[in-house]
């Protein structure tokens, strides 16, 4: 069993699982923050999709 845990393939698999979990955690945190702080900007030149002053 000790030889199995020291094999290069096992170490590579372990690192891949850890890095995958980190990536999923970062993406999950980013998604949580994006849902919580929902912002949108109108970047069109003539502000076509912005609310008028009267509406605001």
PDB file of N, CA and C in Angstrom:
ATOM      1  N   UNK A   1       0.821  -1.191   0.000  1.00  0.00           N
ATOM      2  CA  UNK A   1       0.000   0.000   0.000  1.00  0.00           C
ATOM      3  C   UNK A   1       0.865   1.254   0.000  1.00  0.00           C
ATOM      4  N   UNK A   2       2.006   1.195   0.679  1.00  0.00           N
ATOM      5  CA  UNK A   2       2.891   2.349   0.764  1.00  0.00           C
ATOM      6  C   UNK A   2       3.450   2.719  -0.612  1.00  0.00           C
ATOM      7  N   UNK A   3       3.734   1.705  -1.420  1.00  0.00           N
ATOM      8  CA  UNK A   3       4.232   1.964  -2.769  1.00  0.00           C
ATOM      9  C   UNK A   3       3.183   2.621  -3.645  1.00  0.00           C
ATOM     10  N   UNK A   4       1.933   2.267  -3.446  1.00  0.00           N
ATOM     11  CA  UNK A   4       0.834   2.857  -4.225  1.00  0.00           C
ATOM     12  C   UNK A   4       0.710   4.351  -3.927  1.00  0.00           C
ATOM     13  N   UNK A   5       0.853   4.737  -2.651  1.00  0.00           N
ATOM     14  CA  UNK A   5       0.706   6.137  -2.273  1.00  0.00           C
ATOM     15  C   UNK A   5       1.868   6.996  -2.746  1.00  0.00           C
ATOM     16  N   UNK A   6       3.009   6.380  -3.045  1.00  0.00           N
ATOM     17  CA  UNK A   6       4.173   7.130  -3.504  1.00  0.00           C
ATOM     18  C   UNK A   6       4.288   7.161  -5.026  1.00  0.00           C
ATOM     19  N   UNK A   7       3.432   6.462  -5.719  1.00  0.00           N
ATOM     20  CA  UNK A   7       3.506   6.408  -7.182  1.00  0.00           C
ATOM     21  C   UNK A   7       3.227   7.780  -7.778  1.00  0.00           C
ATOM     22  N   UNK A   8       3.906   8.092  -8.874  1.00  0.00           N
ATOM     23  CA  UNK A   8       3.747   9.392  -9.536  1.00  0.00           C
ATOM     24  C   UNK A   8       2.306   9.618  -9.990  1.00  0.00           C
ATOM     25  N   UNK A   9       1.658   8.583 -10.495  1.00  0.00           N
ATOM     26  CA  UNK A   9       0.284   8.734 -10.965  1.00  0.00           C
ATOM     27  C   UNK A   9      -0.654   9.076  -9.805  1.00  0.00           C
ATOM     28  N   UNK A  10      -0.421   8.473  -8.646  1.00  0.00           N
ATOM     29  CA  UNK A  10      -1.258   8.754  -7.487  1.00  0.00           C
ATOM     30  C   UNK A  10      -1.046  10.184  -7.011  1.00  0.00           C
ATOM     31  N   UNK A  11       0.199  10.639  -6.996  1.00  0.00           N
ATOM     32  CA  UNK A  11       0.480  12.012  -6.602  1.00  0.00           C
ATOM     33  C   UNK A  11      -0.164  12.990  -7.581  1.00  0.00           C
ATOM     34  N   UNK A  12      -0.052  12.708  -8.870  1.00  0.00           N
ATOM     35  CA  UNK A  12      -0.651  13.569  -9.877  1.00  0.00           C
ATOM     36  C   UNK A  12      -2.167  13.626  -9.716  1.00  0.00           C
ATOM     37  N   UNK A  13      -2.787  12.478  -9.470  1.00  0.00           N
ATOM     38  CA  UNK A  13      -4.231  12.433  -9.255  1.00  0.00           C
ATOM     39  C   UNK A  13      -4.623  13.232  -8.008  1.00  0.00           C
ATOM     40  N   UNK A  14      -3.842  13.108  -6.975  1.00  0.00           N
ATOM     41  CA  UNK A  14      -4.115  13.868  -5.750  1.00  0.00           C
ATOM     42  C   UNK A  14      -4.038  15.367  -5.992  1.00  0.00           C
ATOM     43  N   UNK A  15      -3.000  15.818  -6.700  1.00  0.00           N
ATOM     44  CA  UNK A  15      -2.869  17.243  -7.015  1.00  0.00           C
ATOM     45  C   UNK A  15      -4.013  17.708  -7.914  1.00  0.00           C
ATOM     46  N   UNK A  16      -4.404  16.901  -8.873  1.00  0.00           N
ATOM     47  CA  UNK A  16      -5.491  17.272  -9.779  1.00  0.00           C
ATOM     48  C   UNK A  16      -6.804  17.412  -9.009  1.00  0.00           C
ATOM     49  N   UNK A  17      -7.059  16.527  -8.062  1.00  0.00           N
ATOM     50  CA  UNK A  17      -8.284  16.604  -7.266  1.00  0.00           C
ATOM     51  C   UNK A  17      -8.267  17.853  -6.391  1.00  0.00           C
ATOM     52  N   UNK A  18      -7.130  18.155  -5.772  1.00  0.00           N
ATOM     53  CA  UNK A  18      -7.021  19.337  -4.913  1.00  0.00           C
ATOM     54  C   UNK A  18      -7.199  20.608  -5.733  1.00  0.00           C
ATOM     55  N   UNK A  19      -6.515  20.710  -6.860  1.00  0.00           N
ATOM     56  CA  UNK A  19      -6.636  21.900  -7.702  1.00  0.00           C
ATOM     57  C   UNK A  19      -8.052  22.030  -8.270  1.00  0.00           C
ATOM     58  N   UNK A  20      -8.661  20.930  -8.626  1.00  0.00           N
ATOM     59  CA  UNK A  20     -10.041  20.965  -9.099  1.00  0.00           C
ATOM     60  C   UNK A  20     -10.991  21.473  -8.025  1.00  0.00           C
ATOM     61  N   UNK A  21     -10.792  21.028  -6.793  1.00  0.00           N
ATOM     62  CA  UNK A  21     -11.626  21.490  -5.685  1.00  0.00           C
ATOM     63  C   UNK A  21     -11.414  22.981  -5.439  1.00  0.00           C
ATOM     64  N   UNK A  22     -10.186  23.454  -5.569  1.00  0.00           N
ATOM     65  CA  UNK A  22      -9.900  24.878  -5.393  1.00  0.00           C
ATOM     66  C   UNK A  22     -10.594  25.691  -6.474  1.00  0.00           C
ATOM     67  N   UNK A  23     -10.499  25.247  -7.714  1.00  0.00           N
ATOM     68  CA  UNK A  23     -11.138  25.964  -8.828  1.00  0.00           C
ATOM     69  C   UNK A  23     -12.654  26.001  -8.632  1.00  0.00           C
ATOM     70  N   UNK A  24     -13.243  24.877  -8.271  1.00  0.00           N
ATOM     71  CA  UNK A  24     -14.684  24.847  -8.028  1.00  0.00           C
ATOM     72  C   UNK A  24     -15.078  25.753  -6.868  1.00  0.00           C
ATOM     73  N   UNK A  25     -14.253  25.797  -5.839  1.00  0.00           N
ATOM     74  CA  UNK A  25     -14.531  26.678  -4.707  1.00  0.00           C
ATOM     75  C   UNK A  25     -14.482  28.144  -5.100  1.00  0.00           C
ATOM     76  N   UNK A  26     -13.480  28.524  -5.900  1.00  0.00           N
ATOM     77  CA  UNK A  26     -13.367  29.913  -6.349  1.00  0.00           C
ATOM     78  C   UNK A  26     -14.539  30.273  -7.251  1.00  0.00           C
ATOM     79  N   UNK A  27     -14.893  29.394  -8.170  1.00  0.00           N
ATOM     80  CA  UNK A  27     -16.031  29.664  -9.047  1.00  0.00           C
ATOM     81  C   UNK A  27     -17.340  29.744  -8.256  1.00  0.00           C
ATOM     82  N   UNK A  28     -17.496  28.887  -7.274  1.00  0.00           N
ATOM     83  CA  UNK A  28     -18.686  28.932  -6.434  1.00  0.00           C
ATOM     84  C   UNK A  28     -18.772  30.226  -5.640  1.00  0.00           C
ATOM     85  N   UNK A  29     -17.637  30.678  -5.093  1.00  0.00           N
ATOM     86  CA  UNK A  29     -17.617  31.945  -4.348  1.00  0.00           C
ATOM     87  C   UNK A  29     -17.921  33.117  -5.271  1.00  0.00           C
ATOM     88  N   UNK A  30     -17.350  33.100  -6.482  1.00  0.00           N
ATOM     89  CA  UNK A  30     -17.620  34.172  -7.440  1.00  0.00           C
ATOM     90  C   UNK A  30     -19.095  34.189  -7.828  1.00  0.00           C
ATOM     91  N   UNK A  31     -19.688  33.028  -8.022  1.00  0.00           N
ATOM     92  CA  UNK A  31     -21.105  32.943  -8.361  1.00  0.00           C
ATOM     93  C   UNK A  31     -21.968  33.452  -7.206  1.00  0.00           C
ATOM     94  N   UNK A  32     -21.623  33.094  -5.993  1.00  0.00           N
ATOM     95  CA  UNK A  32     -22.364  33.559  -4.822  1.00  0.00           C
ATOM     96  C   UNK A  32     -22.319  35.079  -4.725  1.00  0.00           C
ATOM     97  N   UNK A  33     -21.137  35.656  -4.893  1.00  0.00           N
ATOM     98  CA  UNK A  33     -21.015  37.108  -4.812  1.00  0.00           C
ATOM     99  C   UNK A  33     -21.726  37.799  -5.966  1.00  0.00           C
ATOM    100  N   UNK A  34     -21.679  37.208  -7.148  1.00  0.00           N
ATOM    101  CA  UNK A  34     -22.355  37.805  -8.302  1.00  0.00           C
ATOM    102  C   UNK A  34     -23.867  37.795  -8.106  1.00  0.00           C
ATOM    103  N   UNK A  35     -24.401  36.746  -7.513  1.00  0.00           N
ATOM    104  CA  UNK A  35     -25.837  36.687  -7.260  1.00  0.00           C
ATOM    105  C   UNK A  35     -26.247  37.668  -6.168  1.00  0.00           C
ATOM    106  N   UNK A  36     -25.380  37.848  -5.217  1.00  0.00           N
ATOM    107  CA  UNK A  36     -25.704  38.707  -4.083  1.00  0.00           C
ATOM    108  C   UNK A  36     -25.607  40.191  -4.425  1.00  0.00           C
ATOM    109  N   UNK A  37     -24.683  40.548  -5.297  1.00  0.00           N
ATOM    110  CA  UNK A  37     -24.456  41.939  -5.676  1.00  0.00           C
ATOM    111  C   UNK A  37     -24.745  42.090  -7.168  1.00  0.00           C
ATOM    112  N   UNK A  38     -26.015  42.002  -7.520  1.00  0.00           N
ATOM    113  CA  UNK A  38     -26.411  42.046  -8.921  1.00  0.00           C
ATOM    114  C   UNK A  38     -26.347  43.482  -9.442  1.00  0.00           C
ATOM    115  N   UNK A  39     -25.411  43.756 -10.324  1.00  0.00           N
ATOM    116  CA  UNK A  39     -25.227  45.082 -10.908  1.00  0.00           C
ATOM    117  C   UNK A  39     -25.255  44.955 -12.422  1.00  0.00           C
ATOM    118  N   UNK A  40     -25.739  45.998 -13.072  1.00  0.00           N
ATOM    119  CA  UNK A  40     -25.687  46.021 -14.534  1.00  0.00           C
ATOM    120  C   UNK A  40     -25.362  47.439 -14.977  1.00  0.00           C
ATOM    121  N   UNK A  41     -24.634  47.541 -16.060  1.00  0.00           N
ATOM    122  CA  UNK A  41     -24.217  48.824 -16.594  1.00  0.00           C
ATOM    123  C   UNK A  41     -24.627  48.922 -18.051  1.00  0.00           C
ATOM    124  N   UNK A  42     -25.050  50.103 -18.463  1.00  0.00           N
ATOM    125  CA  UNK A  42     -25.377  50.358 -19.865  1.00  0.00           C
ATOM    126  C   UNK A  42     -24.145  50.967 -20.515  1.00  0.00           C
ATOM    127  N   UNK A  43     -23.457  50.178 -21.295  1.00  0.00           N
ATOM    128  CA  UNK A  43     -22.215  50.630 -21.931  1.00  0.00           C
ATOM    129  C   UNK A  43     -22.423  51.048 -23.381  1.00  0.00           C
ATOM    130  N   UNK A  44     -23.677  51.142 -23.828  1.00  0.00           N
ATOM    131  CA  UNK A  44     -23.927  51.577 -25.201  1.00  0.00           C
ATOM    132  C   UNK A  44     -23.617  53.057 -25.324  1.00  0.00           C
ATOM    133  N   UNK A  45     -23.257  53.488 -26.532  1.00  0.00           N
ATOM    134  CA  UNK A  45     -22.825  54.872 -26.750  1.00  0.00           C
ATOM    135  C   UNK A  45     -23.944  55.868 -26.451  1.00  0.00           C
ATOM    136  N   UNK A  46     -25.183  55.539 -26.815  1.00  0.00           N
ATOM    137  CA  UNK A  46     -26.282  56.490 -26.624  1.00  0.00           C
ATOM    138  C   UNK A  46     -27.133  56.157 -25.390  1.00  0.00           C
ATOM    139  N   UNK A  47     -26.641  55.289 -24.498  1.00  0.00           N
ATOM    140  CA  UNK A  47     -27.362  54.891 -23.268  1.00  0.00           C
ATOM    141  C   UNK A  47     -28.768  54.387 -23.574  1.00  0.00           C
ATOM    142  N   UNK A  48     -28.863  53.534 -24.563  1.00  0.00           N
ATOM    143  CA  UNK A  48     -30.151  53.036 -25.056  1.00  0.00           C
ATOM    144  C   UNK A  48     -30.930  52.248 -23.999  1.00  0.00           C
ATOM    145  N   UNK A  49     -30.228  51.533 -23.137  1.00  0.00           N
ATOM    146  CA  UNK A  49     -30.899  50.649 -22.187  1.00  0.00           C
ATOM    147  C   UNK A  49     -30.925  51.206 -20.767  1.00  0.00           C
ATOM    148  N   UNK A  50     -30.683  52.507 -20.597  1.00  0.00           N
ATOM    149  CA  UNK A  50     -30.734  53.134 -19.274  1.00  0.00           C
ATOM    150  C   UNK A  50     -32.129  53.680 -19.012  1.00  0.00           C
ATOM    151  N   UNK A  51     -32.472  53.790 -17.738  1.00  0.00           N
ATOM    152  CA  UNK A  51     -33.750  54.388 -17.367  1.00  0.00           C
ATOM    153  C   UNK A  51     -33.647  55.897 -17.521  1.00  0.00           C
ATOM    154  N   UNK A  52     -34.763  56.509 -17.910  1.00  0.00           N
ATOM    155  CA  UNK A  52     -34.780  57.967 -18.037  1.00  0.00           C
ATOM    156  C   UNK A  52     -34.774  58.600 -16.647  1.00  0.00           C
ATOM    157  N   UNK A  53     -34.447  59.881 -16.573  1.00  0.00           N
ATOM    158  CA  UNK A  53     -34.442  60.590 -15.282  1.00  0.00           C
ATOM    159  C   UNK A  53     -35.850  60.587 -14.677  1.00  0.00           C
ATOM    160  N   UNK A  54     -36.853  60.695 -15.507  1.00  0.00           N
ATOM    161  CA  UNK A  54     -38.235  60.705 -15.023  1.00  0.00           C
ATOM    162  C   UNK A  54     -38.588  59.373 -14.355  1.00  0.00           C
ATOM    163  N   UNK A  55     -38.113  58.278 -14.932  1.00  0.00           N
ATOM    164  CA  UNK A  55     -38.398  56.947 -14.388  1.00  0.00           C
ATOM    165  C   UNK A  55     -37.658  56.735 -13.082  1.00  0.00           C
ATOM    166  N   UNK A  56     -36.414  57.177 -13.039  1.00  0.00           N
ATOM    167  CA  UNK A  56     -35.612  56.979 -11.832  1.00  0.00           C
ATOM    168  C   UNK A  56     -36.204  57.792 -10.710  1.00  0.00           C
TER     169      UNK A  56
END
